[in-house]
Protein backbone atom coordinates (compact mmCIF):
# COMPACT_ATOMS: atom_id res chain seq x y z
CA UNK A 1 0.00 0.00 0.00
CA UNK A 2 2.77 2.40 0.89
CA UNK A 3 4.46 1.74 -2.45
CA UNK A 4 1.26 2.58 -4.35
CA UNK A 5 0.87 5.85 -2.45
CA UNK A 6 4.49 6.74 -3.07
CA UNK A 7 4.11 5.94 -6.77
CA UNK A 8 0.91 8.00 -6.98
CA UNK A 9 2.64 10.88 -5.25
CA UNK A 10 5.54 10.67 -7.68
CA UNK A 11 3.18 10.55 -10.66
CA UNK A 12 1.25 13.54 -9.31
CA UNK A 13 4.52 15.44 -8.93
CA UNK A 14 5.53 14.57 -12.50
CA UNK A 15 2.12 15.66 -13.75
CA UNK A 16 2.39 19.01 -11.98
CA UNK A 17 5.93 19.49 -13.23
CA UNK A 18 4.87 18.70 -16.80
CA UNK A 19 1.91 21.07 -16.56
CA UNK A 20 4.17 23.81 -15.25
CA UNK A 21 6.69 23.27 -18.03
CA UNK A 22 3.92 23.28 -20.62
CA UNK A 23 2.53 26.54 -19.23
CA UNK A 24 5.99 28.12 -19.26
CA UNK A 25 6.58 26.93 -22.82
CA UNK A 26 3.21 28.30 -23.91
CA UNK A 27 3.94 31.69 -22.34
CA UNK A 28 7.35 31.80 -23.99
CA UNK A 29 5.81 30.95 -27.36
CA UNK A 30 3.18 33.66 -26.94
CA UNK A 31 5.91 36.19 -26.13
CA UNK A 32 7.89 35.18 -29.21
CA UNK A 33 4.78 35.48 -31.37
CA UNK A 34 4.12 38.94 -29.93
CA UNK A 35 7.71 40.02 -30.64
CA UNK A 36 7.52 38.66 -34.19
CA UNK A 37 4.25 40.49 -34.74
CA UNK A 38 5.76 43.75 -33.51
CA UNK A 39 8.79 43.25 -35.76
CA UNK A 40 6.53 42.57 -38.73
CA UNK A 41 4.57 45.74 -38.02
CA UNK A 42 7.79 47.74 -37.75
CA UNK A 43 9.00 46.28 -41.04
CA UNK A 44 5.68 47.14 -42.69
CA UNK A 45 5.96 50.70 -41.40
CA UNK A 46 9.46 51.03 -42.84
CA UNK A 47 8.27 49.66 -46.19
CA UNK A 48 5.44 52.21 -46.29
CA UNK A 49 7.85 55.02 -45.43
CA UNK A 50 10.21 53.88 -48.19
CA UNK A 51 7.34 53.71 -50.69
CA UNK A 52 6.43 57.30 -49.79
CA UNK A 53 10.03 58.44 -50.21
CA UNK A 54 10.29 56.68 -53.58
CA UNK A 55 7.03 58.24 -54.78
CA UNK A 56 8.27 61.69 -53.75
CA UNK A 57 11.60 61.15 -55.50
CA UNK A 58 9.89 59.89 -58.65
CA UNK A 59 7.63 62.95 -58.67
CA UNK A 60 10.67 65.20 -58.29
CA UNK A 61 12.43 63.42 -61.17
CA UNK A 62 9.36 63.94 -63.37
CA UNK A 63 9.23 67.63 -62.43
CA UNK A 64 12.92 68.00 -63.26
CA UNK A 65 12.46 66.17 -66.56
CA UNK A 66 9.59 68.52 -67.41
CA UNK A 67 11.72 71.52 -66.45
CA UNK A 68 14.61 70.29 -68.59
CA UNK A 69 12.23 69.78 -71.50
CA UNK A 70 10.85 73.29 -71.03
CA UNK A 71 14.38 74.74 -70.92
CA UNK A 72 15.24 72.88 -74.13
CA UNK A 73 12.15 74.34 -75.78
CA UNK A 74 13.06 77.84 -74.56
CA UNK A 75 16.60 77.50 -75.90
CA UNK A 76 15.26 76.15 -79.18
CA UNK A 77 12.81 79.05 -79.50
CA UNK A 78 15.45 81.65 -78.60
CA UNK A 79 17.92 80.00 -80.92
CA UNK A 80 15.33 80.12 -83.70
CA UNK A 81 14.72 83.82 -83.09
CA UNK A 82 18.42 84.58 -83.21
CA UNK A 83 18.83 82.97 -86.56
CA UNK A 84 16.03 85.06 -88.05
PDB file of N, CA and C in Angstrom:
ATOM      1  N   UNK A   1       0.817  -1.190   0.000  1.00  0.00           N
ATOM      2  CA  UNK A   1       0.000   0.000   0.000  1.00  0.00           C
ATOM      3  C   UNK A   1       0.867   1.262   0.000  1.00  0.00           C
ATOM      4  N   UNK A   2       1.884   1.262   0.809  1.00  0.00           N
ATOM      5  CA  UNK A   2       2.773   2.404   0.894  1.00  0.00           C
ATOM      6  C   UNK A   2       3.431   2.678  -0.461  1.00  0.00           C
ATOM      7  N   UNK A   3       3.826   1.602  -1.139  1.00  0.00           N
ATOM      8  CA  UNK A   3       4.462   1.738  -2.453  1.00  0.00           C
ATOM      9  C   UNK A   3       3.524   2.404  -3.453  1.00  0.00           C
ATOM     10  N   UNK A   4       2.254   2.029  -3.443  1.00  0.00           N
ATOM     11  CA  UNK A   4       1.256   2.580  -4.345  1.00  0.00           C
ATOM     12  C   UNK A   4       1.078   4.078  -4.068  1.00  0.00           C
ATOM     13  N   UNK A   5       1.019   4.442  -2.799  1.00  0.00           N
ATOM     14  CA  UNK A   5       0.869   5.853  -2.449  1.00  0.00           C
ATOM     15  C   UNK A   5       2.092   6.656  -2.888  1.00  0.00           C
ATOM     16  N   UNK A   6       3.251   6.062  -2.674  1.00  0.00           N
ATOM     17  CA  UNK A   6       4.491   6.738  -3.073  1.00  0.00           C
ATOM     18  C   UNK A   6       4.533   6.906  -4.591  1.00  0.00           C
ATOM     19  N   UNK A   7       4.128   5.879  -5.313  1.00  0.00           N
ATOM     20  CA  UNK A   7       4.112   5.936  -6.768  1.00  0.00           C
ATOM     21  C   UNK A   7       3.097   6.981  -7.245  1.00  0.00           C
ATOM     22  N   UNK A   8       1.930   7.018  -6.616  1.00  0.00           N
ATOM     23  CA  UNK A   8       0.907   8.003  -6.983  1.00  0.00           C
ATOM     24  C   UNK A   8       1.422   9.420  -6.708  1.00  0.00           C
ATOM     25  N   UNK A   9       2.092   9.578  -5.600  1.00  0.00           N
ATOM     26  CA  UNK A   9       2.642  10.883  -5.254  1.00  0.00           C
ATOM     27  C   UNK A   9       3.685  11.308  -6.285  1.00  0.00           C
ATOM     28  N   UNK A  10       4.507  10.380  -6.674  1.00  0.00           N
ATOM     29  CA  UNK A  10       5.536  10.672  -7.676  1.00  0.00           C
ATOM     30  C   UNK A  10       4.895  11.029  -9.020  1.00  0.00           C
ATOM     31  N   UNK A  11       3.863  10.270  -9.408  1.00  0.00           N
ATOM     32  CA  UNK A  11       3.181  10.548 -10.663  1.00  0.00           C
ATOM     33  C   UNK A  11       2.483  11.908 -10.621  1.00  0.00           C
ATOM     34  N   UNK A  12       1.892  12.239  -9.475  1.00  0.00           N
ATOM     35  CA  UNK A  12       1.252  13.544  -9.309  1.00  0.00           C
ATOM     36  C   UNK A  12       2.288  14.670  -9.447  1.00  0.00           C
ATOM     37  N   UNK A  13       3.443  14.452  -8.853  1.00  0.00           N
ATOM     38  CA  UNK A  13       4.521  15.440  -8.935  1.00  0.00           C
ATOM     39  C   UNK A  13       4.984  15.610 -10.384  1.00  0.00           C
ATOM     40  N   UNK A  14       5.128  14.516 -11.094  1.00  0.00           N
ATOM     41  CA  UNK A  14       5.529  14.575 -12.504  1.00  0.00           C
ATOM     42  C   UNK A  14       4.471  15.292 -13.346  1.00  0.00           C
ATOM     43  N   UNK A  15       3.212  15.016 -13.036  1.00  0.00           N
ATOM     44  CA  UNK A  15       2.116  15.656 -13.751  1.00  0.00           C
ATOM     45  C   UNK A  15       2.141  17.163 -13.528  1.00  0.00           C
ATOM     46  N   UNK A  16       2.331  17.584 -12.298  1.00  0.00           N
ATOM     47  CA  UNK A  16       2.389  19.005 -11.978  1.00  0.00           C
ATOM     48  C   UNK A  16       3.602  19.661 -12.636  1.00  0.00           C
ATOM     49  N   UNK A  17       4.713  18.970 -12.616  1.00  0.00           N
ATOM     50  CA  UNK A  17       5.927  19.490 -13.234  1.00  0.00           C
ATOM     51  C   UNK A  17       5.728  19.654 -14.740  1.00  0.00           C
ATOM     52  N   UNK A  18       5.125  18.652 -15.358  1.00  0.00           N
ATOM     53  CA  UNK A  18       4.870  18.701 -16.795  1.00  0.00           C
ATOM     54  C   UNK A  18       3.907  19.835 -17.135  1.00  0.00           C
ATOM     55  N   UNK A  19       2.870  19.993 -16.339  1.00  0.00           N
ATOM     56  CA  UNK A  19       1.905  21.065 -16.564  1.00  0.00           C
ATOM     57  C   UNK A  19       2.584  22.428 -16.429  1.00  0.00           C
ATOM     58  N   UNK A  20       3.453  22.565 -15.451  1.00  0.00           N
ATOM     59  CA  UNK A  20       4.173  23.815 -15.248  1.00  0.00           C
ATOM     60  C   UNK A  20       5.098  24.114 -16.430  1.00  0.00           C
ATOM     61  N   UNK A  21       5.802  23.092 -16.885  1.00  0.00           N
ATOM     62  CA  UNK A  21       6.693  23.273 -18.034  1.00  0.00           C
ATOM     63  C   UNK A  21       5.904  23.635 -19.293  1.00  0.00           C
ATOM     64  N   UNK A  22       4.755  22.996 -19.451  1.00  0.00           N
ATOM     65  CA  UNK A  22       3.918  23.276 -20.617  1.00  0.00           C
ATOM     66  C   UNK A  22       3.403  24.720 -20.568  1.00  0.00           C
ATOM     67  N   UNK A  23       3.005  25.165 -19.390  1.00  0.00           N
ATOM     68  CA  UNK A  23       2.531  26.536 -19.234  1.00  0.00           C
ATOM     69  C   UNK A  23       3.657  27.528 -19.535  1.00  0.00           C
ATOM     70  N   UNK A  24       4.826  27.252 -19.022  1.00  0.00           N
ATOM     71  CA  UNK A  24       5.989  28.116 -19.263  1.00  0.00           C
ATOM     72  C   UNK A  24       6.322  28.169 -20.749  1.00  0.00           C
ATOM     73  N   UNK A  25       6.300  27.010 -21.385  1.00  0.00           N
ATOM     74  CA  UNK A  25       6.582  26.934 -22.822  1.00  0.00           C
ATOM     75  C   UNK A  25       5.540  27.717 -23.616  1.00  0.00           C
ATOM     76  N   UNK A  26       4.296  27.594 -23.231  1.00  0.00           N
ATOM     77  CA  UNK A  26       3.213  28.300 -23.905  1.00  0.00           C
ATOM     78  C   UNK A  26       3.382  29.814 -23.759  1.00  0.00           C
ATOM     79  N   UNK A  27       3.725  30.266 -22.566  1.00  0.00           N
ATOM     80  CA  UNK A  27       3.940  31.691 -22.336  1.00  0.00           C
ATOM     81  C   UNK A  27       5.120  32.212 -23.158  1.00  0.00           C
ATOM     82  N   UNK A  28       6.174  31.420 -23.206  1.00  0.00           N
ATOM     83  CA  UNK A  28       7.354  31.804 -23.990  1.00  0.00           C
ATOM     84  C   UNK A  28       6.994  31.889 -25.474  1.00  0.00           C
ATOM     85  N   UNK A  29       6.231  30.941 -25.962  1.00  0.00           N
ATOM     86  CA  UNK A  29       5.813  30.947 -27.365  1.00  0.00           C
ATOM     87  C   UNK A  29       4.947  32.166 -27.663  1.00  0.00           C
ATOM     88  N   UNK A  30       4.033  32.483 -26.753  1.00  0.00           N
ATOM     89  CA  UNK A  30       3.181  33.658 -26.938  1.00  0.00           C
ATOM     90  C   UNK A  30       4.017  34.942 -26.988  1.00  0.00           C
ATOM     91  N   UNK A  31       5.020  35.026 -26.141  1.00  0.00           N
ATOM     92  CA  UNK A  31       5.905  36.195 -26.128  1.00  0.00           C
ATOM     93  C   UNK A  31       6.678  36.303 -27.441  1.00  0.00           C
ATOM     94  N   UNK A  32       7.157  35.179 -27.942  1.00  0.00           N
ATOM     95  CA  UNK A  32       7.889  35.176 -29.210  1.00  0.00           C
ATOM     96  C   UNK A  32       6.973  35.590 -30.359  1.00  0.00           C
ATOM     97  N   UNK A  33       5.744  35.112 -30.332  1.00  0.00           N
ATOM     98  CA  UNK A  33       4.777  35.484 -31.367  1.00  0.00           C
ATOM     99  C   UNK A  33       4.513  36.983 -31.310  1.00  0.00           C
ATOM    100  N   UNK A  34       4.365  37.508 -30.102  1.00  0.00           N
ATOM    101  CA  UNK A  34       4.123  38.939 -29.927  1.00  0.00           C
ATOM    102  C   UNK A  34       5.301  39.751 -30.466  1.00  0.00           C
ATOM    103  N   UNK A  35       6.518  39.317 -30.159  1.00  0.00           N
ATOM    104  CA  UNK A  35       7.709  40.021 -30.643  1.00  0.00           C
ATOM    105  C   UNK A  35       7.801  39.961 -32.173  1.00  0.00           C
ATOM    106  N   UNK A  36       7.487  38.805 -32.735  1.00  0.00           N
ATOM    107  CA  UNK A  36       7.518  38.659 -34.193  1.00  0.00           C
ATOM    108  C   UNK A  36       6.466  39.553 -34.840  1.00  0.00           C
ATOM    109  N   UNK A  37       5.315  39.641 -34.224  1.00  0.00           N
ATOM    110  CA  UNK A  37       4.249  40.486 -34.739  1.00  0.00           C
ATOM    111  C   UNK A  37       4.667  41.955 -34.711  1.00  0.00           C
ATOM    112  N   UNK A  38       5.287  42.375 -33.613  1.00  0.00           N
ATOM    113  CA  UNK A  38       5.762  43.749 -33.505  1.00  0.00           C
ATOM    114  C   UNK A  38       6.824  44.031 -34.559  1.00  0.00           C
ATOM    115  N   UNK A  39       7.728  43.089 -34.763  1.00  0.00           N
ATOM    116  CA  UNK A  39       8.795  43.250 -35.757  1.00  0.00           C
ATOM    117  C   UNK A  39       8.193  43.349 -37.161  1.00  0.00           C
ATOM    118  N   UNK A  40       7.197  42.525 -37.434  1.00  0.00           N
ATOM    119  CA  UNK A  40       6.533  42.566 -38.732  1.00  0.00           C
ATOM    120  C   UNK A  40       5.873  43.923 -38.949  1.00  0.00           C
ATOM    121  N   UNK A  41       5.214  44.435 -37.914  1.00  0.00           N
ATOM    122  CA  UNK A  41       4.566  45.739 -38.023  1.00  0.00           C
ATOM    123  C   UNK A  41       5.595  46.845 -38.260  1.00  0.00           C
ATOM    124  N   UNK A  42       6.719  46.755 -37.551  1.00  0.00           N
ATOM    125  CA  UNK A  42       7.789  47.743 -37.754  1.00  0.00           C
ATOM    126  C   UNK A  42       8.315  47.665 -39.181  1.00  0.00           C
ATOM    127  N   UNK A  43       8.523  46.461 -39.674  1.00  0.00           N
ATOM    128  CA  UNK A  43       9.005  46.282 -41.044  1.00  0.00           C
ATOM    129  C   UNK A  43       8.004  46.855 -42.045  1.00  0.00           C
ATOM    130  N   UNK A  44       6.719  46.605 -41.806  1.00  0.00           N
ATOM    131  CA  UNK A  44       5.683  47.136 -42.693  1.00  0.00           C
ATOM    132  C   UNK A  44       5.685  48.666 -42.679  1.00  0.00           C
ATOM    133  N   UNK A  45       5.891  49.243 -41.505  1.00  0.00           N
ATOM    134  CA  UNK A  45       5.958  50.704 -41.405  1.00  0.00           C
ATOM    135  C   UNK A  45       7.138  51.256 -42.202  1.00  0.00           C
ATOM    136  N   UNK A  46       8.281  50.599 -42.097  1.00  0.00           N
ATOM    137  CA  UNK A  46       9.462  51.027 -42.845  1.00  0.00           C
ATOM    138  C   UNK A  46       9.201  50.921 -44.345  1.00  0.00           C
ATOM    139  N   UNK A  47       8.572  49.845 -44.765  1.00  0.00           N
ATOM    140  CA  UNK A  47       8.266  49.661 -46.189  1.00  0.00           C
ATOM    141  C   UNK A  47       7.361  50.790 -46.678  1.00  0.00           C
ATOM    142  N   UNK A  48       6.342  51.127 -45.894  1.00  0.00           N
ATOM    143  CA  UNK A  48       5.441  52.209 -46.293  1.00  0.00           C
ATOM    144  C   UNK A  48       6.183  53.547 -46.358  1.00  0.00           C
ATOM    145  N   UNK A  49       7.069  53.787 -45.412  1.00  0.00           N
ATOM    146  CA  UNK A  49       7.855  55.019 -45.432  1.00  0.00           C
ATOM    147  C   UNK A  49       8.744  55.070 -46.678  1.00  0.00           C
ATOM    148  N   UNK A  50       9.355  53.941 -47.003  1.00  0.00           N
ATOM    149  CA  UNK A  50      10.212  53.885 -48.193  1.00  0.00           C
ATOM    150  C   UNK A  50       9.403  54.084 -49.464  1.00  0.00           C
ATOM    151  N   UNK A  51       8.202  53.515 -49.521  1.00  0.00           N
ATOM    152  CA  UNK A  51       7.342  53.715 -50.692  1.00  0.00           C
ATOM    153  C   UNK A  51       7.010  55.195 -50.857  1.00  0.00           C
ATOM    154  N   UNK A  52       6.732  55.869 -49.745  1.00  0.00           N
ATOM    155  CA  UNK A  52       6.428  57.297 -49.792  1.00  0.00           C
ATOM    156  C   UNK A  52       7.629  58.084 -50.299  1.00  0.00           C
ATOM    157  N   UNK A  53       8.804  57.750 -49.786  1.00  0.00           N
ATOM    158  CA  UNK A  53      10.030  58.436 -50.213  1.00  0.00           C
ATOM    159  C   UNK A  53      10.269  58.215 -51.707  1.00  0.00           C
ATOM    160  N   UNK A  54      10.091  56.990 -52.162  1.00  0.00           N
ATOM    161  CA  UNK A  54      10.292  56.678 -53.580  1.00  0.00           C
ATOM    162  C   UNK A  54       9.302  57.456 -54.436  1.00  0.00           C
ATOM    163  N   UNK A  55       8.048  57.502 -54.015  1.00  0.00           N
ATOM    164  CA  UNK A  55       7.035  58.237 -54.783  1.00  0.00           C
ATOM    165  C   UNK A  55       7.395  59.719 -54.864  1.00  0.00           C
ATOM    166  N   UNK A  56       7.865  60.281 -53.755  1.00  0.00           N
ATOM    167  CA  UNK A  56       8.272  61.692 -53.753  1.00  0.00           C
ATOM    168  C   UNK A  56       9.459  61.916 -54.684  1.00  0.00           C
ATOM    169  N   UNK A  57      10.417  61.020 -54.643  1.00  0.00           N
ATOM    170  CA  UNK A  57      11.604  61.150 -55.504  1.00  0.00           C
ATOM    171  C   UNK A  57      11.225  61.011 -56.976  1.00  0.00           C
ATOM    172  N   UNK A  58      10.329  60.066 -57.268  1.00  0.00           N
ATOM    173  CA  UNK A  58       9.893  59.888 -58.655  1.00  0.00           C
ATOM    174  C   UNK A  58       9.167  61.139 -59.149  1.00  0.00           C
ATOM    175  N   UNK A  59       8.331  61.730 -58.292  1.00  0.00           N
ATOM    176  CA  UNK A  59       7.625  62.954 -58.673  1.00  0.00           C
ATOM    177  C   UNK A  59       8.623  64.079 -58.931  1.00  0.00           C
ATOM    178  N   UNK A  60       9.646  64.168 -58.099  1.00  0.00           N
ATOM    179  CA  UNK A  60      10.672  65.195 -58.288  1.00  0.00           C
ATOM    180  C   UNK A  60      11.415  64.976 -59.597  1.00  0.00           C
ATOM    181  N   UNK A  61      11.751  63.728 -59.903  1.00  0.00           N
ATOM    182  CA  UNK A  61      12.429  63.415 -61.169  1.00  0.00           C
ATOM    183  C   UNK A  61      11.555  63.841 -62.343  1.00  0.00           C
ATOM    184  N   UNK A  62      10.262  63.548 -62.280  1.00  0.00           N
ATOM    185  CA  UNK A  62       9.363  63.939 -63.371  1.00  0.00           C
ATOM    186  C   UNK A  62       9.286  65.466 -63.510  1.00  0.00           C
ATOM    187  N   UNK A  63       9.242  66.167 -62.379  1.00  0.00           N
ATOM    188  CA  UNK A  63       9.231  67.633 -62.428  1.00  0.00           C
ATOM    189  C   UNK A  63      10.523  68.160 -63.076  1.00  0.00           C
ATOM    190  N   UNK A  64      11.650  67.578 -62.681  1.00  0.00           N
ATOM    191  CA  UNK A  64      12.924  68.000 -63.260  1.00  0.00           C
ATOM    192  C   UNK A  64      12.999  67.675 -64.751  1.00  0.00           C
ATOM    193  N   UNK A  65      12.487  66.518 -65.133  1.00  0.00           N
ATOM    194  CA  UNK A  65      12.463  66.171 -66.565  1.00  0.00           C
ATOM    195  C   UNK A  65      11.604  67.166 -67.342  1.00  0.00           C
ATOM    196  N   UNK A  66      10.457  67.534 -66.759  1.00  0.00           N
ATOM    197  CA  UNK A  66       9.594  68.520 -67.411  1.00  0.00           C
ATOM    198  C   UNK A  66      10.296  69.872 -67.510  1.00  0.00           C
ATOM    199  N   UNK A  67      10.992  70.246 -66.450  1.00  0.00           N
ATOM    200  CA  UNK A  67      11.715  71.522 -66.445  1.00  0.00           C
ATOM    201  C   UNK A  67      12.828  71.519 -67.489  1.00  0.00           C
ATOM    202  N   UNK A  68      13.546  70.419 -67.582  1.00  0.00           N
ATOM    203  CA  UNK A  68      14.609  70.291 -68.592  1.00  0.00           C
ATOM    204  C   UNK A  68      14.006  70.396 -69.991  1.00  0.00           C
ATOM    205  N   UNK A  69      12.892  69.719 -70.192  1.00  0.00           N
ATOM    206  CA  UNK A  69      12.231  69.780 -71.504  1.00  0.00           C
ATOM    207  C   UNK A  69      11.806  71.208 -71.823  1.00  0.00           C
ATOM    208  N   UNK A  70      11.261  71.906 -70.825  1.00  0.00           N
ATOM    209  CA  UNK A  70      10.849  73.293 -71.031  1.00  0.00           C
ATOM    210  C   UNK A  70      12.050  74.179 -71.349  1.00  0.00           C
ATOM    211  N   UNK A  71      13.157  73.970 -70.652  1.00  0.00           N
ATOM    212  CA  UNK A  71      14.377  74.741 -70.924  1.00  0.00           C
ATOM    213  C   UNK A  71      14.887  74.467 -72.341  1.00  0.00           C
ATOM    214  N   UNK A  72      14.816  73.226 -72.766  1.00  0.00           N
ATOM    215  CA  UNK A  72      15.237  72.884 -74.131  1.00  0.00           C
ATOM    216  C   UNK A  72      14.360  73.601 -75.147  1.00  0.00           C
ATOM    217  N   UNK A  73      13.062  73.643 -74.870  1.00  0.00           N
ATOM    218  CA  UNK A  73      12.146  74.342 -75.778  1.00  0.00           C
ATOM    219  C   UNK A  73      12.463  75.829 -75.808  1.00  0.00           C
ATOM    220  N   UNK A  74      12.729  76.415 -74.641  1.00  0.00           N
ATOM    221  CA  UNK A  74      13.060  77.837 -74.563  1.00  0.00           C
ATOM    222  C   UNK A  74      14.337  78.143 -75.338  1.00  0.00           C
ATOM    223  N   UNK A  75      15.334  77.311 -75.185  1.00  0.00           N
ATOM    224  CA  UNK A  75      16.597  77.500 -75.900  1.00  0.00           C
ATOM    225  C   UNK A  75      16.365  77.353 -77.393  1.00  0.00           C
ATOM    226  N   UNK A  76      15.552  76.375 -77.763  1.00  0.00           N
ATOM    227  CA  UNK A  76      15.256  76.152 -79.181  1.00  0.00           C
ATOM    228  C   UNK A  76      14.533  77.348 -79.758  1.00  0.00           C
ATOM    229  N   UNK A  77      13.563  77.885 -79.024  1.00  0.00           N
ATOM    230  CA  UNK A  77      12.815  79.047 -79.500  1.00  0.00           C
ATOM    231  C   UNK A  77      13.726  80.256 -79.601  1.00  0.00           C
ATOM    232  N   UNK A  78      14.509  80.513 -78.584  1.00  0.00           N
ATOM    233  CA  UNK A  78      15.447  81.653 -78.600  1.00  0.00           C
ATOM    234  C   UNK A  78      16.480  81.464 -79.710  1.00  0.00           C
ATOM    235  N   UNK A  79      16.947  80.261 -79.854  1.00  0.00           N
ATOM    236  CA  UNK A  79      17.919  79.996 -80.922  1.00  0.00           C
ATOM    237  C   UNK A  79      17.297  80.241 -82.289  1.00  0.00           C
ATOM    238  N   UNK A  80      16.042  79.887 -82.439  1.00  0.00           N
ATOM    239  CA  UNK A  80      15.334  80.125 -83.697  1.00  0.00           C
ATOM    240  C   UNK A  80      15.154  81.598 -83.969  1.00  0.00           C
ATOM    241  N   UNK A  81      14.892  82.382 -82.949  1.00  0.00           N
ATOM    242  CA  UNK A  81      14.724  83.816 -83.092  1.00  0.00           C
ATOM    243  C   UNK A  81      16.035  84.494 -83.463  1.00  0.00           C
ATOM    244  N   UNK A  82      17.117  83.976 -82.901  1.00  0.00           N
ATOM    245  CA  UNK A  82      18.415  84.577 -83.206  1.00  0.00           C
ATOM    246  C   UNK A  82      18.815  84.359 -84.646  1.00  0.00           C
ATOM    247  N   UNK A  83      18.437  83.250 -85.200  1.00  0.00           N
ATOM    248  CA  UNK A  83      18.829  82.966 -86.558  1.00  0.00           C
ATOM    249  C   UNK A  83      17.980  83.722 -87.574  1.00  0.00           C
ATOM    250  N   UNK A  84      16.854  84.288 -87.137  1.00  0.00           N
ATOM    251  CA  UNK A  84      16.032  85.064 -88.054  1.00  0.00           C
ATOM    252  C   UNK A  84      16.664  86.308 -88.359  1.00  0.00           C
TER     253      UNK A  84
END
